[in-house]
């Protein structure tokens, strides 16, 4: 399975996820070298953080990880942990967590 550009129109009845989450998953996976052994064609590079994408895209990305690693759970855990650290240290997380708000 090769993942291609997802900057197109989608069925509005699909569950959607913000591009920042998809982009964070991809960036973190590259930074952790989880996607290092794959060709660049397998990773989506044109995600726009403020656009909305089908939730199935995240499942497709998880499938790419699953195809390349026997212990997918530990890889996904590392990705999630790194994304949360980035949210806190580089994103709006520190402000939101300090205030105790989730909106």
PDB file of N, CA and C in Angstrom:
ATOM      1  N   UNK A   1       0.836  -1.176   0.000  1.00  0.00           N
ATOM      2  CA  UNK A   1       0.000   0.000   0.000  1.00  0.00           C
ATOM      3  C   UNK A   1       0.883   1.241   0.000  1.00  0.00           C
ATOM      4  N   UNK A   2       0.697   2.086  -0.960  1.00  0.00           N
ATOM      5  CA  UNK A   2       1.415   3.357  -1.026  1.00  0.00           C
ATOM      6  C   UNK A   2       0.421   4.471  -0.748  1.00  0.00           C
ATOM      7  N   UNK A   3       0.793   5.377   0.110  1.00  0.00           N
ATOM      8  CA  UNK A   3      -0.067   6.494   0.463  1.00  0.00           C
ATOM      9  C   UNK A   3       0.277   7.675  -0.428  1.00  0.00           C
ATOM     10  N   UNK A   4      -0.733   8.287  -1.004  1.00  0.00           N
ATOM     11  CA  UNK A   4      -0.527   9.399  -1.920  1.00  0.00           C
ATOM     12  C   UNK A   4      -1.061  10.683  -1.303  1.00  0.00           C
ATOM     13  N   UNK A   5      -1.132  11.716  -2.099  1.00  0.00           N
ATOM     14  CA  UNK A   5      -1.627  13.005  -1.649  1.00  0.00           C
ATOM     15  C   UNK A   5      -3.059  12.883  -1.141  1.00  0.00           C
ATOM     16  N   UNK A   6      -3.335  13.511  -0.037  1.00  0.00           N
ATOM     17  CA  UNK A   6      -4.683  13.503   0.528  1.00  0.00           C
ATOM     18  C   UNK A   6      -5.295  14.894   0.555  1.00  0.00           C
ATOM     19  N   UNK A   7      -4.727  15.836  -0.188  1.00  0.00           N
ATOM     20  CA  UNK A   7      -5.287  17.186  -0.235  1.00  0.00           C
ATOM     21  C   UNK A   7      -6.313  17.264  -1.346  1.00  0.00           C
ATOM     22  N   UNK A   8      -7.473  16.695  -1.084  1.00  0.00           N
ATOM     23  CA  UNK A   8      -8.566  16.645  -2.051  1.00  0.00           C
ATOM     24  C   UNK A   8      -9.876  16.678  -1.285  1.00  0.00           C
ATOM     25  N   UNK A   9     -10.985  16.658  -1.967  1.00  0.00           N
ATOM     26  CA  UNK A   9     -12.293  16.661  -1.315  1.00  0.00           C
ATOM     27  C   UNK A   9     -12.645  15.258  -0.833  1.00  0.00           C
ATOM     28  N   UNK A  10     -13.340  15.182   0.291  1.00  0.00           N
ATOM     29  CA  UNK A  10     -13.720  13.899   0.863  1.00  0.00           C
ATOM     30  C   UNK A  10     -15.204  13.865   1.141  1.00  0.00           C
ATOM     31  N   UNK A  11     -15.693  12.679   1.276  1.00  0.00           N
ATOM     32  CA  UNK A  11     -17.080  12.446   1.650  1.00  0.00           C
ATOM     33  C   UNK A  11     -17.298  13.034   3.040  1.00  0.00           C
ATOM     34  N   UNK A  12     -18.244  13.935   3.184  1.00  0.00           N
ATOM     35  CA  UNK A  12     -18.452  14.612   4.463  1.00  0.00           C
ATOM     36  C   UNK A  12     -19.049  13.695   5.525  1.00  0.00           C
ATOM     37  N   UNK A  13     -19.473  12.495   5.154  1.00  0.00           N
ATOM     38  CA  UNK A  13     -19.992  11.576   6.158  1.00  0.00           C
ATOM     39  C   UNK A  13     -18.876  10.773   6.823  1.00  0.00           C
ATOM     40  N   UNK A  14     -17.638  10.919   6.336  1.00  0.00           N
ATOM     41  CA  UNK A  14     -16.511  10.225   6.937  1.00  0.00           C
ATOM     42  C   UNK A  14     -16.098  10.917   8.239  1.00  0.00           C
ATOM     43  N   UNK A  15     -15.537  10.144   9.173  1.00  0.00           N
ATOM     44  CA  UNK A  15     -14.923  10.745  10.350  1.00  0.00           C
ATOM     45  C   UNK A  15     -13.651  11.431   9.889  1.00  0.00           C
ATOM     46  N   UNK A  16     -13.426  12.641  10.391  1.00  0.00           N
ATOM     47  CA  UNK A  16     -12.285  13.430   9.945  1.00  0.00           C
ATOM     48  C   UNK A  16     -11.355  13.729  11.123  1.00  0.00           C
ATOM     49  N   UNK A  17     -10.099  14.007  10.786  1.00  0.00           N
ATOM     50  CA  UNK A  17      -9.102  14.340  11.793  1.00  0.00           C
ATOM     51  C   UNK A  17      -8.290  15.527  11.267  1.00  0.00           C
ATOM     52  N   UNK A  18      -7.867  16.384  12.162  1.00  0.00           N
ATOM     53  CA  UNK A  18      -7.122  17.579  11.784  1.00  0.00           C
ATOM     54  C   UNK A  18      -5.753  17.197  11.227  1.00  0.00           C
ATOM     55  N   UNK A  19      -5.336  17.900  10.188  1.00  0.00           N
ATOM     56  CA  UNK A  19      -4.059  17.626   9.542  1.00  0.00           C
ATOM     57  C   UNK A  19      -2.874  17.710  10.485  1.00  0.00           C
ATOM     58  N   UNK A  20      -2.975  18.529  11.518  1.00  0.00           N
ATOM     59  CA  UNK A  20      -1.877  18.642  12.490  1.00  0.00           C
ATOM     60  C   UNK A  20      -1.597  17.296  13.154  1.00  0.00           C
ATOM     61  N   UNK A  21      -2.626  16.513  13.380  1.00  0.00           N
ATOM     62  CA  UNK A  21      -2.444  15.201  14.002  1.00  0.00           C
ATOM     63  C   UNK A  21      -1.789  14.239  13.014  1.00  0.00           C
ATOM     64  N   UNK A  22      -2.281  14.244  11.789  1.00  0.00           N
ATOM     65  CA  UNK A  22      -1.698  13.376  10.751  1.00  0.00           C
ATOM     66  C   UNK A  22      -0.249  13.768  10.498  1.00  0.00           C
ATOM     67  N   UNK A  23      -0.010  15.067  10.334  1.00  0.00           N
ATOM     68  CA  UNK A  23       1.349  15.550  10.110  1.00  0.00           C
ATOM     69  C   UNK A  23       2.270  15.233  11.280  1.00  0.00           C
ATOM     70  N   UNK A  24       1.733  15.346  12.487  1.00  0.00           N
ATOM     71  CA  UNK A  24       2.516  15.016  13.679  1.00  0.00           C
ATOM     72  C   UNK A  24       2.902  13.550  13.714  1.00  0.00           C
ATOM     73  N   UNK A  25       1.972  12.692  13.327  1.00  0.00           N
ATOM     74  CA  UNK A  25       2.256  11.254  13.266  1.00  0.00           C
ATOM     75  C   UNK A  25       3.379  10.985  12.266  1.00  0.00           C
ATOM     76  N   UNK A  26       3.294  11.615  11.094  1.00  0.00           N
ATOM     77  CA  UNK A  26       4.310  11.401  10.060  1.00  0.00           C
ATOM     78  C   UNK A  26       5.659  11.956  10.500  1.00  0.00           C
ATOM     79  N   UNK A  27       5.677  13.207  10.984  1.00  0.00           N
ATOM     80  CA  UNK A  27       6.931  13.835  11.400  1.00  0.00           C
ATOM     81  C   UNK A  27       7.587  13.053  12.523  1.00  0.00           C
ATOM     82  N   UNK A  28       6.802  12.651  13.503  1.00  0.00           N
ATOM     83  CA  UNK A  28       7.337  11.894  14.622  1.00  0.00           C
ATOM     84  C   UNK A  28       7.882  10.552  14.161  1.00  0.00           C
ATOM     85  N   UNK A  29       7.169   9.903  13.251  1.00  0.00           N
ATOM     86  CA  UNK A  29       7.624   8.608  12.743  1.00  0.00           C
ATOM     87  C   UNK A  29       8.940   8.739  11.989  1.00  0.00           C
ATOM     88  N   UNK A  30       9.093   9.827  11.253  1.00  0.00           N
ATOM     89  CA  UNK A  30      10.350  10.071  10.550  1.00  0.00           C
ATOM     90  C   UNK A  30      11.451  10.400  11.554  1.00  0.00           C
ATOM     91  N   UNK A  31      11.148  11.279  12.532  1.00  0.00           N
ATOM     92  CA  UNK A  31      12.138  11.661  13.546  1.00  0.00           C
ATOM     93  C   UNK A  31      12.615  10.457  14.353  1.00  0.00           C
ATOM     94  N   UNK A  32      11.722   9.533  14.643  1.00  0.00           N
ATOM     95  CA  UNK A  32      12.076   8.329  15.408  1.00  0.00           C
ATOM     96  C   UNK A  32      12.645   7.229  14.512  1.00  0.00           C
ATOM     97  N   UNK A  33      12.769   7.528  13.241  1.00  0.00           N
ATOM     98  CA  UNK A  33      13.281   6.593  12.237  1.00  0.00           C
ATOM     99  C   UNK A  33      12.425   5.341  12.109  1.00  0.00           C
ATOM    100  N   UNK A  34      11.160   5.481  12.403  1.00  0.00           N
ATOM    101  CA  UNK A  34      10.225   4.379  12.219  1.00  0.00           C
ATOM    102  C   UNK A  34       9.906   4.225  10.742  1.00  0.00           C
ATOM    103  N   UNK A  35       9.888   5.340  10.012  1.00  0.00           N
ATOM    104  CA  UNK A  35       9.676   5.300   8.572  1.00  0.00           C
ATOM    105  C   UNK A  35      10.996   5.303   7.804  1.00  0.00           C
ATOM    106  N   UNK A  36      12.120   5.196   8.497  1.00  0.00           N
ATOM    107  CA  UNK A  36      13.424   5.345   7.851  1.00  0.00           C
ATOM    108  C   UNK A  36      13.690   4.301   6.776  1.00  0.00           C
ATOM    109  N   UNK A  37      13.219   3.088   6.951  1.00  0.00           N
ATOM    110  CA  UNK A  37      13.524   2.021   6.000  1.00  0.00           C
ATOM    111  C   UNK A  37      12.560   1.991   4.821  1.00  0.00           C
ATOM    112  N   UNK A  38      11.603   2.887   4.785  1.00  0.00           N
ATOM    113  CA  UNK A  38      10.597   2.903   3.729  1.00  0.00           C
ATOM    114  C   UNK A  38      10.945   3.933   2.669  1.00  0.00           C
ATOM    115  N   UNK A  39      10.398   3.763   1.501  1.00  0.00           N
ATOM    116  CA  UNK A  39      10.603   4.766   0.465  1.00  0.00           C
ATOM    117  C   UNK A  39       9.756   5.985   0.789  1.00  0.00           C
ATOM    118  N   UNK A  40      10.204   7.121   0.323  1.00  0.00           N
ATOM    119  CA  UNK A  40       9.494   8.366   0.602  1.00  0.00           C
ATOM    120  C   UNK A  40       8.093   8.358   0.002  1.00  0.00           C
ATOM    121  N   UNK A  41       7.871   7.554  -1.056  1.00  0.00           N
ATOM    122  CA  UNK A  41       6.547   7.463  -1.664  1.00  0.00           C
ATOM    123  C   UNK A  41       5.517   6.883  -0.708  1.00  0.00           C
ATOM    124  N   UNK A  42       5.972   6.172   0.309  1.00  0.00           N
ATOM    125  CA  UNK A  42       5.039   5.563   1.241  1.00  0.00           C
ATOM    126  C   UNK A  42       4.582   6.523   2.326  1.00  0.00           C
ATOM    127  N   UNK A  43       5.199   7.674   2.396  1.00  0.00           N
ATOM    128  CA  UNK A  43       4.872   8.637   3.445  1.00  0.00           C
ATOM    129  C   UNK A  43       4.317   9.903   2.796  1.00  0.00           C
ATOM    130  N   UNK A  44       3.241  10.392   3.335  1.00  0.00           N
ATOM    131  CA  UNK A  44       2.603  11.586   2.798  1.00  0.00           C
ATOM    132  C   UNK A  44       3.347  12.807   3.314  1.00  0.00           C
ATOM    133  N   UNK A  45       3.778  13.654   2.392  1.00  0.00           N
ATOM    134  CA  UNK A  45       4.563  14.810   2.801  1.00  0.00           C
ATOM    135  C   UNK A  45       3.808  16.135   2.637  1.00  0.00           C
ATOM    136  N   UNK A  46       2.634  16.124   2.048  1.00  0.00           N
ATOM    137  CA  UNK A  46       1.944  17.380   1.748  1.00  0.00           C
ATOM    138  C   UNK A  46       0.710  17.613   2.615  1.00  0.00           C
ATOM    139  N   UNK A  47       0.753  17.172   3.847  1.00  0.00           N
ATOM    140  CA  UNK A  47      -0.357  17.382   4.771  1.00  0.00           C
ATOM    141  C   UNK A  47      -0.361  18.838   5.228  1.00  0.00           C
ATOM    142  N   UNK A  48      -1.516  19.470   5.149  1.00  0.00           N
ATOM    143  CA  UNK A  48      -1.675  20.853   5.601  1.00  0.00           C
ATOM    144  C   UNK A  48      -2.297  20.801   7.007  1.00  0.00           C
ATOM    145  N   UNK A  49      -1.596  21.329   8.022  1.00  0.00           N
ATOM    146  CA  UNK A  49      -2.048  21.184   9.410  1.00  0.00           C
ATOM    147  C   UNK A  49      -3.467  21.660   9.687  1.00  0.00           C
ATOM    148  N   UNK A  50      -3.937  22.672   8.974  1.00  0.00           N
ATOM    149  CA  UNK A  50      -5.267  23.225   9.249  1.00  0.00           C
ATOM    150  C   UNK A  50      -6.381  22.573   8.433  1.00  0.00           C
ATOM    151  N   UNK A  51      -6.023  21.677   7.529  1.00  0.00           N
ATOM    152  CA  UNK A  51      -7.038  20.957   6.746  1.00  0.00           C
ATOM    153  C   UNK A  51      -7.526  19.731   7.510  1.00  0.00           C
ATOM    154  N   UNK A  52      -8.671  19.228   7.093  1.00  0.00           N
ATOM    155  CA  UNK A  52      -9.243  18.018   7.683  1.00  0.00           C
ATOM    156  C   UNK A  52      -9.048  16.852   6.728  1.00  0.00           C
ATOM    157  N   UNK A  53      -8.744  15.674   7.288  1.00  0.00           N
ATOM    158  CA  UNK A  53      -8.466  14.471   6.501  1.00  0.00           C
ATOM    159  C   UNK A  53      -9.269  13.311   7.073  1.00  0.00           C
ATOM    160  N   UNK A  54      -9.534  12.307   6.245  1.00  0.00           N
ATOM    161  CA  UNK A  54     -10.291  11.153   6.740  1.00  0.00           C
ATOM    162  C   UNK A  54      -9.505  10.409   7.811  1.00  0.00           C
ATOM    163  N   UNK A  55     -10.205   9.992   8.835  1.00  0.00           N
ATOM    164  CA  UNK A  55      -9.582   9.239   9.920  1.00  0.00           C
ATOM    165  C   UNK A  55      -8.898   7.985   9.388  1.00  0.00           C
ATOM    166  N   UNK A  56      -9.417   7.436   8.291  1.00  0.00           N
ATOM    167  CA  UNK A  56      -8.816   6.232   7.712  1.00  0.00           C
ATOM    168  C   UNK A  56      -7.356   6.463   7.326  1.00  0.00           C
ATOM    169  N   UNK A  57      -6.967   7.716   7.088  1.00  0.00           N
ATOM    170  CA  UNK A  57      -5.575   8.017   6.775  1.00  0.00           C
ATOM    171  C   UNK A  57      -4.663   7.620   7.934  1.00  0.00           C
ATOM    172  N   UNK A  58      -5.077   7.905   9.169  1.00  0.00           N
ATOM    173  CA  UNK A  58      -4.273   7.482  10.323  1.00  0.00           C
ATOM    174  C   UNK A  58      -4.192   5.968  10.403  1.00  0.00           C
ATOM    175  N   UNK A  59      -5.293   5.299  10.086  1.00  0.00           N
ATOM    176  CA  UNK A  59      -5.273   3.836  10.079  1.00  0.00           C
ATOM    177  C   UNK A  59      -4.346   3.312   8.986  1.00  0.00           C
ATOM    178  N   UNK A  60      -4.318   3.989   7.831  1.00  0.00           N
ATOM    179  CA  UNK A  60      -3.394   3.607   6.761  1.00  0.00           C
ATOM    180  C   UNK A  60      -1.945   3.756   7.215  1.00  0.00           C
ATOM    181  N   UNK A  61      -1.653   4.855   7.905  1.00  0.00           N
ATOM    182  CA  UNK A  61      -0.298   5.074   8.407  1.00  0.00           C
ATOM    183  C   UNK A  61       0.086   4.019   9.435  1.00  0.00           C
ATOM    184  N   UNK A  62      -0.852   3.664  10.303  1.00  0.00           N
ATOM    185  CA  UNK A  62      -0.580   2.590  11.271  1.00  0.00           C
ATOM    186  C   UNK A  62      -0.319   1.273  10.560  1.00  0.00           C
ATOM    187  N   UNK A  63      -1.022   1.037   9.470  1.00  0.00           N
ATOM    188  CA  UNK A  63      -0.822  -0.183   8.687  1.00  0.00           C
ATOM    189  C   UNK A  63       0.585  -0.219   8.087  1.00  0.00           C
ATOM    190  N   UNK A  64       1.091   0.937   7.648  1.00  0.00           N
ATOM    191  CA  UNK A  64       2.456   1.005   7.138  1.00  0.00           C
ATOM    192  C   UNK A  64       3.437   0.593   8.235  1.00  0.00           C
ATOM    193  N   UNK A  65       3.225   1.085   9.451  1.00  0.00           N
ATOM    194  CA  UNK A  65       4.077   0.712  10.584  1.00  0.00           C
ATOM    195  C   UNK A  65       3.946  -0.789  10.855  1.00  0.00           C
ATOM    196  N   UNK A  66       2.726  -1.291  10.847  1.00  0.00           N
ATOM    197  CA  UNK A  66       2.481  -2.714  11.139  1.00  0.00           C
ATOM    198  C   UNK A  66       3.160  -3.624  10.119  1.00  0.00           C
ATOM    199  N   UNK A  67       3.185  -3.206   8.875  1.00  0.00           N
ATOM    200  CA  UNK A  67       3.809  -4.020   7.830  1.00  0.00           C
ATOM    201  C   UNK A  67       5.313  -4.126   8.010  1.00  0.00           C
ATOM    202  N   UNK A  68       5.909  -3.143   8.664  1.00  0.00           N
ATOM    203  CA  UNK A  68       7.359  -3.085   8.756  1.00  0.00           C
ATOM    204  C   UNK A  68       7.930  -3.490  10.116  1.00  0.00           C
ATOM    205  N   UNK A  69       7.072  -3.675  11.098  1.00  0.00           N
ATOM    206  CA  UNK A  69       7.554  -4.027  12.439  1.00  0.00           C
ATOM    207  C   UNK A  69       6.676  -5.111  13.043  1.00  0.00           C
ATOM    208  N   UNK A  70       7.318  -6.053  13.706  1.00  0.00           N
ATOM    209  CA  UNK A  70       6.562  -7.132  14.354  1.00  0.00           C
ATOM    210  C   UNK A  70       5.874  -6.639  15.624  1.00  0.00           C
ATOM    211  N   UNK A  71       6.524  -5.751  16.360  1.00  0.00           N
ATOM    212  CA  UNK A  71       5.960  -5.249  17.617  1.00  0.00           C
ATOM    213  C   UNK A  71       5.411  -3.845  17.408  1.00  0.00           C
ATOM    214  N   UNK A  72       4.281  -3.783  16.746  1.00  0.00           N
ATOM    215  CA  UNK A  72       3.682  -2.486  16.400  1.00  0.00           C
ATOM    216  C   UNK A  72       3.295  -1.686  17.641  1.00  0.00           C
ATOM    217  N   UNK A  73       2.871  -2.353  18.689  1.00  0.00           N
ATOM    218  CA  UNK A  73       2.395  -1.640  19.877  1.00  0.00           C
ATOM    219  C   UNK A  73       3.469  -0.725  20.452  1.00  0.00           C
ATOM    220  N   UNK A  74       4.703  -1.223  20.561  1.00  0.00           N
ATOM    221  CA  UNK A  74       5.766  -0.398  21.137  1.00  0.00           C
ATOM    222  C   UNK A  74       6.109   0.770  20.215  1.00  0.00           C
ATOM    223  N   UNK A  75       6.029   0.569  18.911  1.00  0.00           N
ATOM    224  CA  UNK A  75       6.305   1.649  17.960  1.00  0.00           C
ATOM    225  C   UNK A  75       5.222   2.726  18.059  1.00  0.00           C
ATOM    226  N   UNK A  76       3.963   2.307  18.090  1.00  0.00           N
ATOM    227  CA  UNK A  76       2.866   3.275  18.188  1.00  0.00           C
ATOM    228  C   UNK A  76       2.908   4.020  19.518  1.00  0.00           C
ATOM    229  N   UNK A  77       3.310   3.332  20.571  1.00  0.00           N
ATOM    230  CA  UNK A  77       3.435   3.979  21.877  1.00  0.00           C
ATOM    231  C   UNK A  77       4.511   5.063  21.824  1.00  0.00           C
ATOM    232  N   UNK A  78       5.637   4.782  21.187  1.00  0.00           N
ATOM    233  CA  UNK A  78       6.706   5.774  21.060  1.00  0.00           C
ATOM    234  C   UNK A  78       6.234   6.974  20.238  1.00  0.00           C
ATOM    235  N   UNK A  79       5.494   6.708  19.167  1.00  0.00           N
ATOM    236  CA  UNK A  79       4.967   7.793  18.341  1.00  0.00           C
ATOM    237  C   UNK A  79       4.037   8.675  19.176  1.00  0.00           C
ATOM    238  N   UNK A  80       3.101   8.064  19.896  1.00  0.00           N
ATOM    239  CA  UNK A  80       2.153   8.807  20.724  1.00  0.00           C
ATOM    240  C   UNK A  80       2.837   9.618  21.808  1.00  0.00           C
ATOM    241  N   UNK A  81       3.819   9.021  22.467  1.00  0.00           N
ATOM    242  CA  UNK A  81       4.555   9.717  23.522  1.00  0.00           C
ATOM    243  C   UNK A  81       5.290  10.935  22.955  1.00  0.00           C
ATOM    244  N   UNK A  82       5.929  10.760  21.831  1.00  0.00           N
ATOM    245  CA  UNK A  82       6.650  11.865  21.206  1.00  0.00           C
ATOM    246  C   UNK A  82       5.696  12.967  20.748  1.00  0.00           C
ATOM    247  N   UNK A  83       4.538  12.581  20.197  1.00  0.00           N
ATOM    248  CA  UNK A  83       3.553  13.583  19.774  1.00  0.00           C
ATOM    249  C   UNK A  83       3.047  14.382  20.972  1.00  0.00           C
ATOM    250  N   UNK A  84       2.811  13.740  22.100  1.00  0.00           N
ATOM    251  CA  UNK A  84       2.344  14.449  23.298  1.00  0.00           C
ATOM    252  C   UNK A  84       3.415  15.405  23.823  1.00  0.00           C
ATOM    253  N   UNK A  85       4.677  14.977  23.798  1.00  0.00           N
ATOM    254  CA  UNK A  85       5.761  15.861  24.234  1.00  0.00           C
ATOM    255  C   UNK A  85       5.849  17.084  23.327  1.00  0.00           C
ATOM    256  N   UNK A  86       5.706  16.860  22.014  1.00  0.00           N
ATOM    257  CA  UNK A  86       5.743  17.986  21.071  1.00  0.00           C
ATOM    258  C   UNK A  86       4.580  18.939  21.313  1.00  0.00           C
ATOM    259  N   UNK A  87       3.406  18.396  21.543  1.00  0.00           N
ATOM    260  CA  UNK A  87       2.238  19.225  21.822  1.00  0.00           C
ATOM    261  C   UNK A  87       2.489  20.091  23.046  1.00  0.00           C
ATOM    262  N   UNK A  88       3.084  19.517  24.075  1.00  0.00           N
ATOM    263  CA  UNK A  88       3.313  20.247  25.311  1.00  0.00           C
ATOM    264  C   UNK A  88       4.425  21.284  25.147  1.00  0.00           C
ATOM    265  N   UNK A  89       5.551  20.886  24.567  1.00  0.00           N
ATOM    266  CA  UNK A  89       6.716  21.768  24.513  1.00  0.00           C
ATOM    267  C   UNK A  89       6.737  22.717  23.321  1.00  0.00           C
ATOM    268  N   UNK A  90       6.136  22.321  22.196  1.00  0.00           N
ATOM    269  CA  UNK A  90       6.219  23.142  20.991  1.00  0.00           C
ATOM    270  C   UNK A  90       4.864  23.702  20.546  1.00  0.00           C
ATOM    271  N   UNK A  91       3.799  23.135  21.038  1.00  0.00           N
ATOM    272  CA  UNK A  91       2.473  23.562  20.603  1.00  0.00           C
ATOM    273  C   UNK A  91       1.731  24.316  21.688  1.00  0.00           C
ATOM    274  N   UNK A  92       0.413  24.213  21.657  1.00  0.00           N
ATOM    275  CA  UNK A  92      -0.445  24.903  22.616  1.00  0.00           C
ATOM    276  C   UNK A  92      -0.620  24.123  23.915  1.00  0.00           C
ATOM    277  N   UNK A  93      -0.023  22.951  24.000  1.00  0.00           N
ATOM    278  CA  UNK A  93      -0.240  22.090  25.159  1.00  0.00           C
ATOM    279  C   UNK A  93       0.137  22.692  26.492  1.00  0.00           C
ATOM    280  N   UNK A  94       1.291  23.339  26.561  1.00  0.00           N
ATOM    281  CA  UNK A  94       1.747  23.906  27.841  1.00  0.00           C
ATOM    282  C   UNK A  94       0.744  24.918  28.371  1.00  0.00           C
ATOM    283  N   UNK A  95       0.277  25.805  27.498  1.00  0.00           N
ATOM    284  CA  UNK A  95      -0.706  26.808  27.905  1.00  0.00           C
ATOM    285  C   UNK A  95      -2.014  26.145  28.323  1.00  0.00           C
ATOM    286  N   UNK A  96      -2.495  25.200  27.537  1.00  0.00           N
ATOM    287  CA  UNK A  96      -3.756  24.553  27.837  1.00  0.00           C
ATOM    288  C   UNK A  96      -3.682  23.748  29.127  1.00  0.00           C
ATOM    289  N   UNK A  97      -2.584  23.004  29.293  1.00  0.00           N
ATOM    290  CA  UNK A  97      -2.464  22.184  30.492  1.00  0.00           C
ATOM    291  C   UNK A  97      -2.284  23.039  31.734  1.00  0.00           C
ATOM    292  N   UNK A  98      -1.587  24.149  31.623  1.00  0.00           N
ATOM    293  CA  UNK A  98      -1.370  25.036  32.768  1.00  0.00           C
ATOM    294  C   UNK A  98      -2.702  25.630  33.219  1.00  0.00           C
ATOM    295  N   UNK A  99      -3.538  26.015  32.231  1.00  0.00           N
ATOM    296  CA  UNK A  99      -4.830  26.623  32.538  1.00  0.00           C
ATOM    297  C   UNK A  99      -5.854  25.579  32.954  1.00  0.00           C
ATOM    298  N   UNK A 100      -5.598  24.340  32.613  1.00  0.00           N
ATOM    299  CA  UNK A 100      -6.552  23.288  32.926  1.00  0.00           C
ATOM    300  C   UNK A 100      -7.714  23.215  31.961  1.00  0.00           C
ATOM    301  N   UNK A 101      -7.604  23.921  30.825  1.00  0.00           N
ATOM    302  CA  UNK A 101      -8.695  23.902  29.850  1.00  0.00           C
ATOM    303  C   UNK A 101      -8.392  22.910  28.754  1.00  0.00           C
ATOM    304  N   UNK A 102      -9.439  22.436  28.117  1.00  0.00           N
ATOM    305  CA  UNK A 102      -9.295  21.480  27.016  1.00  0.00           C
ATOM    306  C   UNK A 102      -9.896  22.029  25.735  1.00  0.00           C
ATOM    307  N   UNK A 103     -10.302  23.278  25.730  1.00  0.00           N
ATOM    308  CA  UNK A 103     -10.947  23.838  24.542  1.00  0.00           C
ATOM    309  C   UNK A 103     -10.064  24.830  23.853  1.00  0.00           C
TER     310      UNK A 103
END
